[in-house]
């Protein structure tokens, strides 16, 4: 079901964009930028979450905090470069319609968050079940490492 829905969305969204008169080259650039925002957000979140996780298992070192800070800094740089800073000559904001892409991404992320919250209300055991499943996977990986 998920693969079919993903395939349908992957077909429909670019087709609609193309039918509205956007060239395939420009559309590729827009979708690539949206994907880049996603990758950068994930890398930033992992860089922030890693020291928190390492602290929770008692393995946090000062060097890990430094790596985390550097990771966030290096990911913010391309993000700022893509979004731009009003009035800056070093990082000027992109022209229309590229200036709207960060807002499209933000709406997409908010929609995902709303969906997660709805699922959490509909299925209260969902998040604990996911955490339990991740803990089980971690235990299995630790057993493999020890063997």
Foldseek 3Di string as FASTA:
>chain_A
DVVVVVVVCVPPPVVVVVVVPDDPVVVVVLVVVLVLVVVLVVQLVCLVCVQVVCVVVPNHDPVSVVVSVVSNVVSVVVVCLQQFDDPDPVRHGDDPPSNCSVVVSVVVVVVVVVVVVVVCVVPVCPVVVVVVVVVVVVVVVVVVVVD
